[in-house]
Amino acid sequence: MAKTKEQLTQEIQEKVDREREKREQEAAEAPQKVNVAKEVFEWIAVIIFAILFSFMLHAFVIVNATVPTSSMENTIMAGDRVIGSKLYYLRHDPQRGEIIMFDFPDDPTILYIKRVIGLPGDHIEITGGVVYVNGEALDEPYLNVVTEGEWGPYDVPEGCYFMLGDNRNDSADSRYWKNTYLTRDGIVGKAVLKYWKGFKRFD
């Protein structure tokens, strides 16, 4: 049965209406898709920036280490986590009493943390439980042990440092190293603070 003109006109109008509704729905959904894509892109950019920032921070600004031994007790305990500044010694020379992080002279792949005792040109002797620097007893309020044994004399070469742990009787330090002295270029950074377990700043 042939369709009347009115029926054909109605069918065409219905198709037109359906097509218009479809386009309106797609137009309404389009901004949502754009917003989601934009948000995903922004998050990816933030993550990439954070990764790059962290890499630059660790490569050039800070050193972050977990202390595995008891050689610096009671100043730093085994298992403590310490942050050091890689920038500090670009502007300052190491001073006696400072705690520094450095590449172990006998194996530079290992990071060590000890206290500076001898500066370039110093004469060091350890006798009667006391450290003598250039003939004068060194005041060491950070110690809670008496150093056992007789050590030295040591004459610290130019550009080098004599290092000891605070836990003198259980510390692999300059007294035992094959390469007795730490050279300036082996210094990684100055210990700034302990942030785990507990919080402590190092002056």
N, C-alpha and C. Protein backbone atom coordinates (compact mmCIF):
# COMPACT_ATOMS: atom_id res chain seq x y z
N MET A 1 0.85 -1.19 0.00
CA MET A 1 0.00 0.00 0.00
C MET A 1 0.89 1.24 0.00
N ALA A 2 0.69 2.10 -0.94
CA ALA A 2 1.50 3.30 -1.08
C ALA A 2 1.25 4.27 0.08
N LYS A 3 2.37 4.87 0.55
CA LYS A 3 2.27 5.81 1.64
C LYS A 3 1.77 7.15 1.11
N THR A 4 1.01 7.75 1.97
CA THR A 4 0.49 9.05 1.59
C THR A 4 1.57 10.10 1.75
N LYS A 5 1.33 11.26 1.16
CA LYS A 5 2.27 12.37 1.26
C LYS A 5 2.48 12.78 2.70
N GLU A 6 1.40 12.74 3.49
CA GLU A 6 1.51 13.11 4.89
C GLU A 6 2.38 12.13 5.67
N GLN A 7 2.25 10.81 5.35
CA GLN A 7 3.06 9.79 6.03
C GLN A 7 4.55 9.94 5.71
N LEU A 8 4.82 10.18 4.41
CA LEU A 8 6.22 10.36 4.02
C LEU A 8 6.83 11.59 4.69
N THR A 9 6.04 12.66 4.71
CA THR A 9 6.53 13.88 5.35
C THR A 9 6.82 13.66 6.83
N GLN A 10 5.94 12.89 7.50
CA GLN A 10 6.12 12.63 8.93
C GLN A 10 7.37 11.78 9.18
N GLU A 11 7.60 10.75 8.32
CA GLU A 11 8.78 9.89 8.48
C GLU A 11 10.07 10.70 8.31
N ILE A 12 10.07 11.57 7.29
CA ILE A 12 11.25 12.40 7.04
C ILE A 12 11.51 13.33 8.24
N GLN A 13 10.45 13.91 8.77
CA GLN A 13 10.58 14.80 9.91
C GLN A 13 11.12 14.07 11.13
N GLU A 14 10.64 12.80 11.33
CA GLU A 14 11.11 11.99 12.46
C GLU A 14 12.60 11.69 12.32
N LYS A 15 13.05 11.39 11.09
CA LYS A 15 14.48 11.12 10.86
C LYS A 15 15.31 12.38 11.15
N VAL A 16 14.77 13.52 10.69
CA VAL A 16 15.46 14.78 10.93
C VAL A 16 15.56 15.06 12.42
N ASP A 17 14.47 14.81 13.15
CA ASP A 17 14.46 15.04 14.59
C ASP A 17 15.46 14.13 15.30
N ARG A 18 15.51 12.86 14.88
CA ARG A 18 16.44 11.91 15.50
C ARG A 18 17.89 12.31 15.26
N GLU A 19 18.18 12.75 14.04
CA GLU A 19 19.53 13.17 13.69
C GLU A 19 19.93 14.42 14.50
N ARG A 20 18.96 15.35 14.66
CA ARG A 20 19.25 16.56 15.44
C ARG A 20 19.52 16.22 16.90
N GLU A 21 18.72 15.31 17.48
CA GLU A 21 18.91 14.89 18.87
C GLU A 21 20.27 14.21 19.05
N LYS A 22 20.65 13.39 18.06
CA LYS A 22 21.94 12.69 18.13
C LYS A 22 23.09 13.69 18.16
N ARG A 23 23.00 14.70 17.26
CA ARG A 23 24.06 15.70 17.19
C ARG A 23 24.11 16.55 18.46
N GLU A 24 22.95 16.87 19.00
CA GLU A 24 22.91 17.66 20.24
C GLU A 24 23.52 16.88 21.40
N GLN A 25 23.26 15.56 21.44
CA GLN A 25 23.83 14.72 22.50
C GLN A 25 25.34 14.63 22.37
N GLU A 26 25.81 14.46 21.13
CA GLU A 26 27.27 14.40 20.90
C GLU A 26 27.94 15.72 21.28
N ALA A 27 27.27 16.83 20.94
CA ALA A 27 27.82 18.14 21.29
C ALA A 27 27.88 18.34 22.80
N ALA A 28 26.88 17.80 23.51
CA ALA A 28 26.86 17.93 24.97
C ALA A 28 27.94 17.08 25.62
N GLU A 29 28.25 15.93 25.04
CA GLU A 29 29.25 15.02 25.61
C GLU A 29 30.67 15.45 25.27
N ALA A 30 30.85 16.18 24.18
CA ALA A 30 32.19 16.55 23.71
C ALA A 30 33.00 17.31 24.75
N PRO A 31 32.46 18.34 25.42
CA PRO A 31 33.25 19.06 26.44
C PRO A 31 33.71 18.16 27.57
N GLN A 32 32.85 17.18 27.95
CA GLN A 32 33.25 16.25 29.02
C GLN A 32 34.47 15.46 28.61
N LYS A 33 34.49 14.98 27.37
CA LYS A 33 35.63 14.21 26.88
C LYS A 33 36.89 15.08 26.84
N VAL A 34 36.73 16.31 26.39
CA VAL A 34 37.87 17.24 26.35
C VAL A 34 38.39 17.50 27.76
N ASN A 35 37.48 17.71 28.72
CA ASN A 35 37.88 17.99 30.10
C ASN A 35 38.62 16.81 30.72
N VAL A 36 38.13 15.60 30.46
CA VAL A 36 38.78 14.40 31.00
C VAL A 36 40.19 14.25 30.41
N ALA A 37 40.30 14.44 29.10
CA ALA A 37 41.60 14.33 28.45
C ALA A 37 42.56 15.38 28.98
N LYS A 38 42.05 16.60 29.19
CA LYS A 38 42.89 17.68 29.71
C LYS A 38 43.37 17.36 31.11
N GLU A 39 42.47 16.83 31.95
CA GLU A 39 42.84 16.49 33.32
C GLU A 39 43.88 15.38 33.36
N VAL A 40 43.69 14.36 32.50
CA VAL A 40 44.67 13.27 32.43
C VAL A 40 46.03 13.81 32.00
N PHE A 41 46.05 14.67 31.00
CA PHE A 41 47.31 15.27 30.53
C PHE A 41 48.00 16.06 31.64
N GLU A 42 47.20 16.83 32.39
CA GLU A 42 47.77 17.64 33.47
C GLU A 42 48.39 16.77 34.54
N TRP A 43 47.72 15.66 34.89
CA TRP A 43 48.26 14.74 35.90
C TRP A 43 49.56 14.10 35.41
N ILE A 44 49.58 13.72 34.14
CA ILE A 44 50.80 13.13 33.58
C ILE A 44 51.94 14.14 33.64
N ALA A 45 51.66 15.40 33.30
CA ALA A 45 52.68 16.45 33.34
C ALA A 45 53.20 16.66 34.76
N VAL A 46 52.30 16.63 35.75
CA VAL A 46 52.69 16.80 37.16
C VAL A 46 53.59 15.65 37.60
N ILE A 47 53.23 14.43 37.23
CA ILE A 47 54.02 13.25 37.61
C ILE A 47 55.41 13.30 36.99
N ILE A 48 55.47 13.67 35.70
CA ILE A 48 56.77 13.76 35.02
C ILE A 48 57.64 14.83 35.68
N PHE A 49 57.03 15.97 35.99
CA PHE A 49 57.78 17.05 36.65
C PHE A 49 58.30 16.60 38.00
N ALA A 50 57.45 15.89 38.77
CA ALA A 50 57.85 15.43 40.10
C ALA A 50 59.03 14.46 40.01
N ILE A 51 58.99 13.58 39.00
CA ILE A 51 60.08 12.61 38.82
C ILE A 51 61.37 13.35 38.46
N LEU A 52 61.29 14.29 37.53
CA LEU A 52 62.47 15.05 37.13
C LEU A 52 63.02 15.89 38.28
N PHE A 53 62.11 16.51 39.04
CA PHE A 53 62.53 17.32 40.18
C PHE A 53 63.24 16.46 41.22
N SER A 54 62.66 15.28 41.49
CA SER A 54 63.27 14.37 42.48
C SER A 54 64.66 13.93 42.01
N PHE A 55 64.77 13.63 40.72
CA PHE A 55 66.07 13.21 40.18
C PHE A 55 67.11 14.32 40.32
N MET A 56 66.72 15.55 39.94
CA MET A 56 67.65 16.68 40.04
C MET A 56 68.02 16.95 41.49
N LEU A 57 67.04 16.83 42.38
CA LEU A 57 67.27 17.08 43.80
C LEU A 57 68.31 16.11 44.35
N HIS A 58 68.13 14.82 44.03
CA HIS A 58 69.05 13.81 44.56
C HIS A 58 70.41 13.84 43.85
N ALA A 59 70.41 14.27 42.60
CA ALA A 59 71.67 14.28 41.86
C ALA A 59 72.56 15.46 42.25
N PHE A 60 71.95 16.61 42.58
CA PHE A 60 72.75 17.82 42.75
C PHE A 60 72.56 18.55 44.09
N VAL A 61 71.53 18.22 44.85
CA VAL A 61 71.22 19.03 46.03
C VAL A 61 71.35 18.25 47.33
N ILE A 62 70.72 17.11 47.44
CA ILE A 62 70.73 16.37 48.71
C ILE A 62 71.24 14.95 48.53
N VAL A 63 71.69 14.39 49.64
CA VAL A 63 72.01 12.97 49.70
C VAL A 63 71.17 12.38 50.82
N ASN A 64 70.52 11.27 50.53
CA ASN A 64 69.61 10.62 51.46
C ASN A 64 70.14 9.22 51.73
N ALA A 65 70.38 8.90 52.99
CA ALA A 65 71.01 7.61 53.30
C ALA A 65 70.43 6.99 54.57
N THR A 66 70.42 5.68 54.59
CA THR A 66 70.09 4.93 55.79
C THR A 66 71.40 4.43 56.39
N VAL A 67 71.60 4.70 57.67
CA VAL A 67 72.85 4.31 58.34
C VAL A 67 72.71 2.85 58.79
N PRO A 68 73.54 1.94 58.27
CA PRO A 68 73.34 0.53 58.54
C PRO A 68 74.02 0.00 59.81
N THR A 69 74.99 0.75 60.36
CA THR A 69 75.78 0.24 61.47
C THR A 69 75.67 1.14 62.70
N SER A 70 76.30 0.70 63.77
CA SER A 70 76.26 1.45 65.03
C SER A 70 77.49 2.35 65.21
N SER A 71 78.24 2.60 64.15
CA SER A 71 79.53 3.30 64.28
C SER A 71 79.40 4.76 64.72
N MET A 72 78.20 5.35 64.59
CA MET A 72 78.03 6.75 65.00
C MET A 72 77.12 6.89 66.22
N GLU A 73 76.83 5.78 66.89
CA GLU A 73 76.00 5.88 68.10
C GLU A 73 76.77 6.63 69.20
N ASN A 74 76.10 7.42 70.05
CA ASN A 74 74.67 7.59 70.12
C ASN A 74 74.16 8.78 69.32
N THR A 75 75.02 9.39 68.53
CA THR A 75 74.59 10.53 67.72
C THR A 75 73.61 10.09 66.65
N ILE A 76 73.98 9.03 65.94
CA ILE A 76 73.13 8.44 64.91
C ILE A 76 73.07 6.94 65.17
N MET A 77 71.86 6.42 65.27
CA MET A 77 71.68 5.01 65.60
C MET A 77 71.58 4.17 64.33
N ALA A 78 71.89 2.88 64.44
CA ALA A 78 71.73 1.97 63.31
C ALA A 78 70.27 1.98 62.86
N GLY A 79 70.07 2.14 61.57
CA GLY A 79 68.73 2.18 61.01
C GLY A 79 68.18 3.58 60.83
N ASP A 80 68.86 4.59 61.39
CA ASP A 80 68.42 5.98 61.21
C ASP A 80 68.59 6.40 59.75
N ARG A 81 67.73 7.33 59.34
CA ARG A 81 67.83 7.90 57.99
C ARG A 81 68.27 9.35 58.10
N VAL A 82 69.24 9.69 57.26
CA VAL A 82 69.89 11.00 57.36
C VAL A 82 69.89 11.68 56.00
N ILE A 83 69.65 12.99 56.02
CA ILE A 83 69.74 13.81 54.81
C ILE A 83 70.95 14.72 54.92
N GLY A 84 71.70 14.81 53.83
CA GLY A 84 72.86 15.70 53.79
C GLY A 84 72.75 16.69 52.64
N SER A 85 73.49 17.77 52.75
CA SER A 85 73.51 18.80 51.71
C SER A 85 74.73 18.62 50.82
N LYS A 86 74.49 18.46 49.52
CA LYS A 86 75.59 18.37 48.57
C LYS A 86 76.16 19.74 48.22
N LEU A 87 75.41 20.78 48.53
CA LEU A 87 75.82 22.13 48.15
C LEU A 87 76.70 22.79 49.20
N TYR A 88 76.62 22.33 50.45
CA TYR A 88 77.26 23.03 51.56
C TYR A 88 78.76 23.23 51.33
N TYR A 89 79.44 22.16 50.91
CA TYR A 89 80.89 22.25 50.79
C TYR A 89 81.35 22.86 49.46
N LEU A 90 80.40 23.34 48.67
CA LEU A 90 80.79 24.16 47.53
C LEU A 90 81.18 25.56 48.00
N ARG A 91 80.66 25.94 49.19
CA ARG A 91 80.91 27.30 49.71
C ARG A 91 81.72 27.30 51.00
N HIS A 92 81.89 26.10 51.62
CA HIS A 92 82.59 26.04 52.91
C HIS A 92 83.62 24.91 52.89
N ASP A 93 84.64 25.06 53.71
CA ASP A 93 85.58 23.97 53.94
C ASP A 93 85.09 23.14 55.12
N PRO A 94 85.33 21.83 55.09
CA PRO A 94 84.94 20.99 56.24
C PRO A 94 85.64 21.47 57.51
N GLN A 95 84.92 21.45 58.62
CA GLN A 95 85.45 21.88 59.91
C GLN A 95 85.48 20.70 60.88
N ARG A 96 86.41 20.76 61.83
CA ARG A 96 86.51 19.72 62.84
C ARG A 96 85.19 19.60 63.60
N GLY A 97 84.75 18.37 63.77
CA GLY A 97 83.52 18.12 64.50
C GLY A 97 82.29 17.94 63.62
N GLU A 98 82.39 18.34 62.35
CA GLU A 98 81.24 18.19 61.46
C GLU A 98 81.06 16.73 61.06
N ILE A 99 79.80 16.35 60.87
CA ILE A 99 79.47 14.99 60.42
C ILE A 99 79.26 15.07 58.91
N ILE A 100 80.00 14.27 58.19
CA ILE A 100 79.89 14.33 56.74
C ILE A 100 79.63 12.95 56.14
N MET A 101 79.07 12.97 54.95
CA MET A 101 78.78 11.76 54.18
C MET A 101 79.76 11.72 53.02
N PHE A 102 80.36 10.56 52.78
CA PHE A 102 81.44 10.52 51.79
C PHE A 102 81.57 9.13 51.20
N ASP A 103 82.27 9.06 50.07
CA ASP A 103 82.58 7.78 49.45
C ASP A 103 83.73 7.12 50.22
N PHE A 104 83.52 5.90 50.66
CA PHE A 104 84.53 5.16 51.42
C PHE A 104 85.83 5.11 50.60
N PRO A 105 86.93 5.62 51.15
CA PRO A 105 88.18 5.68 50.38
C PRO A 105 88.66 4.34 49.83
N ASP A 106 88.37 3.25 50.54
CA ASP A 106 88.81 1.93 50.06
C ASP A 106 87.85 1.30 49.06
N ASP A 107 86.64 1.82 48.97
CA ASP A 107 85.64 1.33 48.02
C ASP A 107 84.61 2.44 47.79
N PRO A 108 84.83 3.30 46.79
CA PRO A 108 83.98 4.47 46.57
C PRO A 108 82.52 4.15 46.24
N THR A 109 82.19 2.88 46.05
CA THR A 109 80.79 2.53 45.79
C THR A 109 79.97 2.49 47.08
N ILE A 110 80.65 2.57 48.24
CA ILE A 110 79.97 2.52 49.53
C ILE A 110 79.95 3.92 50.15
N LEU A 111 78.78 4.33 50.63
CA LEU A 111 78.64 5.63 51.27
C LEU A 111 78.86 5.49 52.77
N TYR A 112 79.74 6.32 53.32
CA TYR A 112 80.04 6.31 54.75
C TYR A 112 79.58 7.61 55.39
N ILE A 113 79.40 7.57 56.71
CA ILE A 113 79.11 8.79 57.46
C ILE A 113 79.93 8.75 58.75
N LYS A 114 80.78 9.76 58.94
CA LYS A 114 81.67 9.84 60.10
C LYS A 114 81.85 11.31 60.49
N ARG A 115 82.64 11.52 61.53
CA ARG A 115 82.90 12.88 62.02
C ARG A 115 84.32 13.31 61.65
N VAL A 116 84.45 14.55 61.23
CA VAL A 116 85.77 15.11 60.90
C VAL A 116 86.54 15.36 62.20
N ILE A 117 87.72 14.76 62.31
CA ILE A 117 88.58 14.94 63.49
C ILE A 117 89.86 15.68 63.12
N GLY A 118 90.49 15.25 62.03
CA GLY A 118 91.74 15.88 61.61
C GLY A 118 91.59 16.66 60.33
N LEU A 119 92.07 17.91 60.31
CA LEU A 119 92.05 18.76 59.13
C LEU A 119 93.41 18.71 58.44
N PRO A 120 93.50 19.20 57.22
CA PRO A 120 94.79 19.18 56.52
C PRO A 120 95.90 19.82 57.35
N GLY A 121 97.01 19.08 57.48
CA GLY A 121 98.16 19.58 58.24
C GLY A 121 98.15 19.23 59.71
N ASP A 122 97.06 18.66 60.23
CA ASP A 122 96.97 18.31 61.65
C ASP A 122 97.83 17.10 62.00
N HIS A 123 98.28 17.09 63.24
CA HIS A 123 99.00 15.96 63.82
C HIS A 123 98.05 15.32 64.85
N ILE A 124 97.72 14.05 64.65
CA ILE A 124 96.71 13.37 65.48
C ILE A 124 97.35 12.21 66.23
N GLU A 125 97.04 12.13 67.53
CA GLU A 125 97.41 10.96 68.34
C GLU A 125 96.24 10.62 69.26
N ILE A 126 96.06 9.33 69.48
CA ILE A 126 95.02 8.87 70.40
C ILE A 126 95.70 8.02 71.47
N THR A 127 95.65 8.50 72.69
CA THR A 127 96.31 7.79 73.79
C THR A 127 95.56 8.04 75.09
N GLY A 128 95.49 7.02 75.92
CA GLY A 128 94.81 7.14 77.20
C GLY A 128 93.34 7.49 77.06
N GLY A 129 92.72 7.08 75.95
CA GLY A 129 91.30 7.35 75.74
C GLY A 129 91.00 8.75 75.26
N VAL A 130 92.04 9.54 74.95
CA VAL A 130 91.87 10.94 74.54
C VAL A 130 92.47 11.15 73.16
N VAL A 131 91.77 11.93 72.34
CA VAL A 131 92.30 12.33 71.03
C VAL A 131 93.06 13.65 71.19
N TYR A 132 94.30 13.66 70.74
CA TYR A 132 95.11 14.88 70.78
C TYR A 132 95.31 15.40 69.36
N VAL A 133 94.98 16.68 69.17
CA VAL A 133 95.17 17.33 67.88
C VAL A 133 96.22 18.42 68.06
N ASN A 134 97.33 18.22 67.38
CA ASN A 134 98.45 19.18 67.48
C ASN A 134 98.87 19.39 68.94
N GLY A 135 98.84 18.27 69.69
CA GLY A 135 99.32 18.29 71.08
C GLY A 135 98.27 18.70 72.10
N GLU A 136 97.07 19.10 71.69
CA GLU A 136 96.04 19.51 72.63
C GLU A 136 94.89 18.51 72.63
N ALA A 137 94.39 18.22 73.86
CA ALA A 137 93.28 17.28 74.00
C ALA A 137 92.03 17.85 73.32
N LEU A 138 91.36 17.01 72.54
CA LEU A 138 90.16 17.43 71.83
C LEU A 138 88.93 17.25 72.72
N ASP A 139 88.16 18.31 72.87
CA ASP A 139 86.91 18.23 73.64
C ASP A 139 85.85 17.57 72.76
N GLU A 140 85.32 16.44 73.23
CA GLU A 140 84.35 15.68 72.44
C GLU A 140 83.12 15.35 73.28
N PRO A 141 82.23 16.30 73.48
CA PRO A 141 81.04 16.07 74.32
C PRO A 141 80.05 15.09 73.72
N TYR A 142 80.20 14.77 72.43
CA TYR A 142 79.28 13.85 71.75
C TYR A 142 79.60 12.38 72.04
N LEU A 143 80.75 12.10 72.68
CA LEU A 143 81.14 10.72 72.96
C LEU A 143 80.50 10.21 74.25
N ASN A 144 80.17 8.92 74.26
CA ASN A 144 79.74 8.30 75.51
C ASN A 144 80.55 7.03 75.79
N VAL A 145 81.70 6.91 75.10
CA VAL A 145 82.61 5.78 75.32
C VAL A 145 84.03 6.34 75.45
N VAL A 146 84.90 5.58 76.07
CA VAL A 146 86.33 5.91 76.14
C VAL A 146 87.04 5.13 75.04
N THR A 147 87.79 5.82 74.21
CA THR A 147 88.47 5.17 73.10
C THR A 147 89.55 4.23 73.61
N GLU A 148 89.42 2.97 73.23
CA GLU A 148 90.39 1.97 73.66
C GLU A 148 91.59 1.94 72.72
N GLY A 149 92.76 1.62 73.28
CA GLY A 149 93.95 1.44 72.46
C GLY A 149 94.74 2.71 72.25
N GLU A 150 95.93 2.53 71.67
CA GLU A 150 96.83 3.63 71.34
C GLU A 150 96.90 3.72 69.82
N TRP A 151 96.67 4.91 69.29
CA TRP A 151 96.60 5.07 67.84
C TRP A 151 97.44 6.27 67.40
N GLY A 152 98.08 6.12 66.27
CA GLY A 152 98.86 7.21 65.71
C GLY A 152 100.34 7.08 66.01
N PRO A 153 101.08 8.13 65.73
CA PRO A 153 100.60 9.44 65.26
C PRO A 153 100.21 9.42 63.78
N TYR A 154 99.31 10.34 63.43
CA TYR A 154 98.88 10.54 62.05
C TYR A 154 99.15 12.00 61.66
N ASP A 155 99.73 12.20 60.52
CA ASP A 155 99.93 13.53 59.98
C ASP A 155 99.06 13.67 58.74
N VAL A 156 98.02 14.48 58.84
CA VAL A 156 97.01 14.58 57.78
C VAL A 156 97.57 15.37 56.60
N PRO A 157 97.59 14.76 55.41
CA PRO A 157 98.13 15.47 54.23
C PRO A 157 97.22 16.63 53.82
N GLU A 158 97.77 17.53 53.03
CA GLU A 158 96.98 18.63 52.48
C GLU A 158 95.85 18.07 51.62
N GLY A 159 94.69 18.69 51.72
CA GLY A 159 93.53 18.26 50.93
C GLY A 159 92.87 17.01 51.45
N CYS A 160 93.24 16.60 52.69
CA CYS A 160 92.70 15.35 53.24
C CYS A 160 92.15 15.57 54.66
N TYR A 161 91.41 14.54 55.14
CA TYR A 161 90.77 14.64 56.45
C TYR A 161 90.87 13.29 57.17
N PHE A 162 91.00 13.37 58.49
CA PHE A 162 91.05 12.17 59.33
C PHE A 162 89.68 12.01 59.97
N MET A 163 89.05 10.84 59.78
CA MET A 163 87.67 10.64 60.16
C MET A 163 87.54 9.57 61.25
N LEU A 164 86.68 9.85 62.22
CA LEU A 164 86.38 8.86 63.26
C LEU A 164 84.87 8.76 63.46
N GLY A 165 84.43 7.57 63.86
CA GLY A 165 83.03 7.40 64.27
C GLY A 165 82.88 7.76 65.73
N ASP A 166 81.68 8.14 66.15
CA ASP A 166 81.45 8.49 67.56
C ASP A 166 81.49 7.27 68.46
N ASN A 167 81.13 6.13 67.93
CA ASN A 167 81.20 4.89 68.70
C ASN A 167 82.59 4.29 68.47
N ARG A 168 83.60 4.91 69.08
CA ARG A 168 85.01 4.67 68.74
C ARG A 168 85.44 3.21 68.79
N ASN A 169 84.85 2.43 69.66
CA ASN A 169 85.29 1.05 69.82
C ASN A 169 84.56 0.08 68.90
N ASP A 170 83.70 0.62 68.03
CA ASP A 170 82.98 -0.21 67.06
C ASP A 170 82.77 0.60 65.78
N SER A 171 83.87 1.14 65.27
CA SER A 171 83.77 2.00 64.08
C SER A 171 84.93 1.72 63.13
N ALA A 172 84.59 1.38 61.89
CA ALA A 172 85.61 1.20 60.84
C ALA A 172 85.90 2.57 60.25
N ASP A 173 86.90 3.24 60.79
CA ASP A 173 87.19 4.61 60.37
C ASP A 173 88.64 4.75 59.93
N SER A 174 89.17 5.96 59.92
CA SER A 174 90.52 6.20 59.39
C SER A 174 91.59 5.33 60.03
N ARG A 175 91.39 4.91 61.27
CA ARG A 175 92.38 4.08 61.95
C ARG A 175 92.58 2.73 61.27
N TYR A 176 91.55 2.28 60.53
CA TYR A 176 91.57 0.93 59.97
C TYR A 176 91.63 0.90 58.44
N TRP A 177 91.40 2.04 57.79
CA TRP A 177 91.35 2.02 56.33
C TRP A 177 92.72 1.81 55.72
N LYS A 178 92.73 1.17 54.57
CA LYS A 178 93.96 1.04 53.80
C LYS A 178 94.40 2.43 53.31
N ASN A 179 93.43 3.20 52.82
CA ASN A 179 93.66 4.60 52.47
C ASN A 179 93.21 5.44 53.66
N THR A 180 94.16 5.76 54.51
CA THR A 180 93.85 6.31 55.83
C THR A 180 93.02 7.59 55.80
N TYR A 181 93.25 8.43 54.82
CA TYR A 181 92.65 9.76 54.84
C TYR A 181 91.59 9.93 53.76
N LEU A 182 90.57 10.70 54.10
CA LEU A 182 89.53 11.05 53.13
C LEU A 182 89.97 12.27 52.34
N THR A 183 89.95 12.19 51.02
CA THR A 183 90.30 13.34 50.19
C THR A 183 89.07 14.23 49.99
N ARG A 184 89.32 15.48 49.68
CA ARG A 184 88.23 16.45 49.53
C ARG A 184 87.25 16.01 48.45
N ASP A 185 87.73 15.46 47.36
CA ASP A 185 86.83 15.09 46.27
C ASP A 185 86.00 13.85 46.58
N GLY A 186 86.28 13.19 47.72
CA GLY A 186 85.46 12.04 48.12
C GLY A 186 84.26 12.44 48.96
N ILE A 187 84.19 13.71 49.36
CA ILE A 187 83.09 14.18 50.19
C ILE A 187 81.83 14.33 49.35
N VAL A 188 80.73 13.75 49.82
CA VAL A 188 79.45 13.82 49.11
C VAL A 188 78.60 14.97 49.66
N GLY A 189 78.57 15.13 50.98
CA GLY A 189 77.76 16.21 51.54
C GLY A 189 77.90 16.30 53.05
N LYS A 190 77.37 17.37 53.60
CA LYS A 190 77.35 17.59 55.04
C LYS A 190 76.04 17.04 55.60
N ALA A 191 76.13 16.21 56.64
CA ALA A 191 74.92 15.70 57.28
C ALA A 191 74.16 16.86 57.91
N VAL A 192 72.89 17.00 57.57
CA VAL A 192 72.08 18.13 58.03
C VAL A 192 71.10 17.72 59.11
N LEU A 193 70.40 16.61 58.87
CA LEU A 193 69.41 16.20 59.88
C LEU A 193 69.10 14.72 59.76
N LYS A 194 68.68 14.19 60.92
CA LYS A 194 68.14 12.84 60.97
C LYS A 194 66.63 12.97 61.00
N TYR A 195 65.92 12.25 60.09
CA TYR A 195 64.47 12.38 60.04
C TYR A 195 63.74 11.07 60.38
N TRP A 196 64.52 10.01 60.61
CA TRP A 196 63.95 8.73 60.99
C TRP A 196 65.07 7.87 61.55
N LYS A 197 64.97 7.30 62.66
CA LYS A 197 63.91 7.28 63.65
C LYS A 197 64.09 8.50 64.53
N GLY A 198 63.09 9.30 64.69
CA GLY A 198 63.23 10.55 65.42
C GLY A 198 63.78 11.64 64.52
N PHE A 199 63.82 12.86 65.05
CA PHE A 199 64.26 14.02 64.30
C PHE A 199 65.38 14.73 65.07
N LYS A 200 66.48 15.00 64.37
CA LYS A 200 67.61 15.69 65.00
C LYS A 200 68.38 16.47 63.96
N ARG A 201 68.65 17.75 64.25
CA ARG A 201 69.51 18.55 63.38
C ARG A 201 70.96 18.43 63.83
N PHE A 202 71.87 18.44 62.84
CA PHE A 202 73.29 18.40 63.15
C PHE A 202 73.88 19.77 62.89
N ASP A 203 74.47 20.37 63.91
CA ASP A 203 75.06 21.71 63.76
C ASP A 203 76.41 21.61 63.05
